[in-house]
Amino acid sequence: MCQFDTLALENALGKKFGIQGWWPAETTFEMMLGAVLVQNTRWENVEQSIARLRRSGLLKGPEILSEVDPDILFHLIRPSGFMRNKTAACLGLTTWLLENNLDPEHLASVPMGDEELHTQLLGIRGIGPETADVLMLFGFSRPVFVWSTYARRLLSKIMNPDIEKLSYEQCRRRFPVTLPPDISRAQELHALIVAAGKWAYRHGWEEIMTVYDDAEKSARC
């Protein structure tokens, strides 16, 4: 099966939306918690939860968060919604890091294959395939493509109209994607796709597709 090369998409979205500079976090551990908390909510709500966790001194590392009373964590992350599931996911992720002796600030060197890592992250309660891939991309610096809802909508218009109808895992396995060789560019591509999805929610995809078509033509010249 032919792979989709994201270069034209990267150029088009970069031209349209500019540098996104994700992930907005002071530490990798904070980034990982943010990836859990942002499920099914707006980033602005996550920022409130992160601020409350920081004021409580719980972002210093998994050793600190692992000692917190779940009821306290439940209260602190209330702005993000779905507190019961997200409390379990945050604590589950923290426990997994500690049990595997993983330092959140040195995850890029973890000697674990992509599929094994993906499977282990999925084994944590409250972490689904999209969150697992976000953690791999931004936390572990693995070049994976995040098949978010926005990504499926966009690539259904570029690659195959059936993509939007498929599950996350079906897209992940059936449609190979060639990512930029630089991990920071792969991370930026995900951020740009999110920016495009948010923009298209209000304005539609037509203008974005025009910019993409122009970028693709330029790449062929």
Protein backbone atom coordinates (compact mmCIF):
# COMPACT_ATOMS: atom_id res chain seq x y z
CA MET A 1 0.00 0.00 0.00
CA CYS A 2 1.28 3.45 -0.90
CA GLN A 3 2.25 5.67 1.98
CA PHE A 4 0.94 9.20 2.33
CA ASP A 5 3.82 11.69 2.44
CA THR A 6 2.91 14.59 4.71
CA LEU A 7 5.39 17.11 3.27
CA ALA A 8 2.84 19.03 1.16
CA LEU A 9 0.37 18.97 4.05
CA GLU A 10 3.03 20.23 6.45
CA ASN A 11 3.92 23.08 4.09
CA ALA A 12 0.30 24.02 3.42
CA LEU A 13 -0.81 24.09 7.04
CA GLY A 14 2.36 25.84 8.14
CA LYS A 15 1.74 28.56 5.59
CA LYS A 16 -1.88 28.92 6.67
CA PHE A 17 -1.55 28.75 10.45
CA GLY A 18 2.08 29.48 11.29
CA ILE A 19 4.22 27.88 13.98
CA GLN A 20 2.19 26.22 16.76
CA GLY A 21 5.06 25.23 19.07
CA TRP A 22 3.37 22.38 20.88
CA TRP A 23 3.31 20.95 23.57
CA PRO A 24 2.65 23.88 25.94
CA ALA A 25 4.12 22.46 29.16
CA GLU A 26 7.02 23.15 31.51
CA THR A 27 7.99 19.48 31.87
CA THR A 28 7.34 16.20 30.08
CA PHE A 29 5.38 14.93 33.07
CA GLU A 30 3.10 17.96 32.86
CA MET A 31 2.71 17.32 29.13
CA MET A 32 1.67 13.72 29.79
CA LEU A 33 -0.95 14.73 32.32
CA GLY A 34 -2.21 17.39 29.93
CA ALA A 35 -2.62 14.76 27.21
CA VAL A 36 -4.86 12.77 29.54
CA LEU A 37 -6.84 15.76 30.77
CA VAL A 38 -7.54 17.19 27.31
CA GLN A 39 -9.67 14.20 26.30
CA ASN A 40 -13.17 15.39 25.37
CA THR A 41 -12.66 18.96 26.56
CA ARG A 42 -11.19 22.31 25.55
CA TRP A 43 -7.56 23.12 26.22
CA GLU A 44 -8.61 26.18 28.22
CA ASN A 45 -10.21 23.83 30.76
CA VAL A 46 -7.04 21.77 30.94
CA GLU A 47 -5.01 24.90 31.66
CA GLN A 48 -7.18 25.52 34.72
CA SER A 49 -6.61 21.98 35.97
CA ILE A 50 -2.87 22.17 35.34
CA ALA A 51 -2.67 25.47 37.21
CA ARG A 52 -4.45 23.93 40.20
CA LEU A 53 -2.12 20.92 40.15
CA ARG A 54 0.90 23.22 40.00
CA ARG A 55 -0.29 25.32 42.94
CA SER A 56 -0.74 22.10 44.90
CA GLY A 57 2.82 21.01 44.11
CA LEU A 58 1.70 17.86 42.28
CA LEU A 59 3.52 18.45 38.99
CA LYS A 60 6.98 17.87 40.43
CA GLY A 61 7.01 14.25 39.32
CA PRO A 62 5.21 10.90 39.44
CA GLU A 63 6.57 10.14 42.92
CA ILE A 64 4.67 13.14 44.29
CA LEU A 65 1.43 12.59 42.39
CA SER A 66 1.35 8.89 43.31
CA GLU A 67 0.94 9.83 46.98
CA VAL A 68 -2.08 12.09 46.49
CA ASP A 69 -5.52 11.10 47.72
CA PRO A 70 -7.63 10.29 44.62
CA ASP A 71 -10.45 12.44 46.00
CA ILE A 72 -8.13 15.45 46.12
CA LEU A 73 -6.98 14.85 42.55
CA PHE A 74 -10.62 14.43 41.50
CA HIS A 75 -11.36 17.90 42.88
CA LEU A 76 -8.26 19.54 41.39
CA ILE A 77 -8.95 18.38 37.83
CA ARG A 78 -12.66 19.22 37.92
CA PRO A 79 -12.34 21.94 35.22
CA SER A 80 -11.35 19.23 32.71
CA GLY A 81 -14.50 17.18 33.28
CA PHE A 82 -14.87 13.38 33.37
CA MET A 83 -13.04 13.52 36.69
CA ARG A 84 -13.47 9.90 37.71
CA ASN A 85 -12.00 8.47 34.52
CA LYS A 86 -9.26 11.09 34.30
CA THR A 87 -8.27 10.64 37.94
CA ALA A 88 -7.86 6.93 37.28
CA ALA A 89 -5.92 7.61 34.08
CA CYS A 90 -3.55 10.13 35.68
CA LEU A 91 -2.82 7.85 38.61
CA GLY A 92 -2.58 4.81 36.35
CA LEU A 93 -0.06 6.55 34.11
CA THR A 94 1.90 7.67 37.17
CA THR A 95 1.96 4.12 38.56
CA TRP A 96 3.06 2.73 35.19
CA LEU A 97 5.96 5.19 35.01
CA LEU A 98 7.10 4.29 38.52
CA GLU A 99 6.72 0.53 38.07
CA ASN A 100 8.83 0.68 34.92
CA ASN A 101 11.41 3.01 36.51
CA LEU A 102 10.84 5.61 33.80
CA ASP A 103 11.98 9.18 34.32
CA PRO A 104 9.49 11.41 32.45
CA GLU A 105 12.31 13.74 31.43
CA HIS A 106 14.32 10.97 29.72
CA LEU A 107 11.69 8.97 27.86
CA ALA A 108 13.21 9.37 24.40
CA SER A 109 15.85 6.77 25.26
CA VAL A 110 13.45 4.10 26.54
CA PRO A 111 14.47 0.78 24.85
CA MET A 112 10.97 -0.33 23.92
CA GLY A 113 9.57 -0.89 20.43
CA ASP A 114 6.74 1.30 19.18
CA GLU A 115 4.12 -1.46 19.15
CA GLU A 116 5.07 -2.69 22.62
CA LEU A 117 4.97 0.86 23.98
CA HIS A 118 1.62 1.52 22.31
CA THR A 119 0.19 -1.69 23.77
CA GLN A 120 1.46 -0.94 27.27
CA LEU A 121 0.00 2.57 27.22
CA LEU A 122 -3.35 1.17 26.08
CA GLY A 123 -3.24 -1.11 29.10
CA ILE A 124 -3.56 1.90 31.40
CA ARG A 125 -7.16 2.53 32.38
CA GLY A 126 -8.54 5.65 30.72
CA ILE A 127 -5.91 5.87 27.98
CA GLY A 128 -7.24 5.19 24.49
CA PRO A 129 -5.37 4.85 21.19
CA GLU A 130 -5.28 8.57 20.40
CA THR A 131 -3.96 9.55 23.83
CA ALA A 132 -1.43 6.71 23.64
CA ASP A 133 -0.11 8.03 20.34
CA VAL A 134 0.01 11.61 21.64
CA LEU A 135 2.05 10.37 24.61
CA MET A 136 4.37 8.51 22.24
CA LEU A 137 4.79 11.52 19.95
CA PHE A 138 5.33 14.23 22.56
CA GLY A 139 6.43 12.28 25.63
CA PHE A 140 8.61 9.54 24.12
CA SER A 141 9.59 11.45 20.94
CA ARG A 142 8.38 8.63 18.70
CA PRO A 143 7.46 9.56 15.09
CA VAL A 144 3.86 8.37 15.10
CA PHE A 145 0.91 9.89 13.27
CA VAL A 146 -2.02 10.76 15.52
CA TRP A 147 -5.26 9.76 13.79
CA SER A 148 -7.36 12.30 15.65
CA THR A 149 -10.89 13.16 14.54
CA TYR A 150 -9.48 16.23 12.81
CA ALA A 151 -6.83 14.14 11.06
CA ARG A 152 -9.39 11.62 9.83
CA ARG A 153 -11.63 14.37 8.49
CA LEU A 154 -8.75 16.07 6.72
CA LEU A 155 -7.20 12.94 5.23
CA SER A 156 -10.59 11.64 4.12
CA LYS A 157 -10.53 14.59 1.73
CA ILE A 158 -6.94 14.01 0.63
CA MET A 159 -6.44 10.24 0.65
CA ASN A 160 -9.64 8.23 0.84
CA PRO A 161 -13.23 9.30 1.66
CA ASP A 162 -13.71 6.13 3.72
CA ILE A 163 -11.15 7.23 6.31
CA GLU A 164 -13.64 9.36 8.24
CA LYS A 165 -15.89 6.31 8.70
CA LEU A 166 -13.16 4.08 10.09
CA SER A 167 -12.08 3.59 13.68
CA TYR A 168 -8.82 4.97 15.01
CA GLU A 169 -7.13 1.58 14.96
CA GLN A 170 -8.36 0.78 11.44
CA CYS A 171 -6.83 4.01 10.14
CA ARG A 172 -3.62 3.41 12.04
CA ARG A 173 -3.12 -0.03 10.51
CA ARG A 174 -4.53 0.46 7.00
CA PHE A 175 -3.11 3.84 6.00
CA PRO A 176 0.66 4.22 6.45
CA VAL A 177 1.86 7.80 6.81
CA THR A 178 5.36 9.10 6.08
CA LEU A 179 6.17 11.69 8.72
CA PRO A 180 8.86 14.38 8.68
CA PRO A 181 12.25 12.93 9.73
CA ASP A 182 12.68 15.53 12.47
CA ILE A 183 10.58 14.67 15.54
CA SER A 184 9.88 18.34 16.23
CA ARG A 185 8.35 18.62 12.76
CA ALA A 186 6.24 15.52 13.35
CA GLN A 187 4.99 17.11 16.57
CA GLU A 188 4.32 20.38 14.78
CA LEU A 189 2.33 18.57 12.09
CA HIS A 190 -0.06 17.19 14.71
CA ALA A 191 -0.49 20.67 16.19
CA LEU A 192 -1.14 22.11 12.73
CA ILE A 193 -3.80 19.49 12.00
CA VAL A 194 -5.55 20.40 15.24
CA ALA A 195 -5.38 24.08 14.28
CA ALA A 196 -6.82 23.24 10.86
CA GLY A 197 -9.62 21.20 12.38
CA LYS A 198 -10.62 23.98 14.73
CA TRP A 199 -10.56 26.51 11.88
CA ALA A 200 -12.57 24.23 9.58
CA TYR A 201 -15.20 23.72 12.29
CA ARG A 202 -16.18 27.36 11.78
CA HIS A 203 -15.18 28.02 8.19
CA GLY A 204 -15.22 24.66 6.40
CA TRP A 205 -12.39 22.79 4.70
CA GLU A 206 -12.52 24.44 1.26
CA GLU A 207 -9.84 27.07 1.82
CA ILE A 208 -7.54 24.61 3.56
CA MET A 209 -7.87 22.18 0.65
CA THR A 210 -7.05 24.96 -1.82
CA VAL A 211 -3.87 25.78 0.10
CA TYR A 212 -3.00 22.07 0.22
CA ASP A 213 -3.57 21.61 -3.51
CA ASP A 214 -1.26 24.55 -4.23
CA ALA A 215 1.43 23.11 -1.95
CA GLU A 216 1.15 19.69 -3.57
CA LYS A 217 1.52 21.18 -7.06
CA SER A 218 4.59 23.11 -5.95
CA ALA A 219 6.11 19.93 -4.51
CA ARG A 220 5.70 18.17 -7.86
CA CYS A 221 7.41 20.94 -9.83
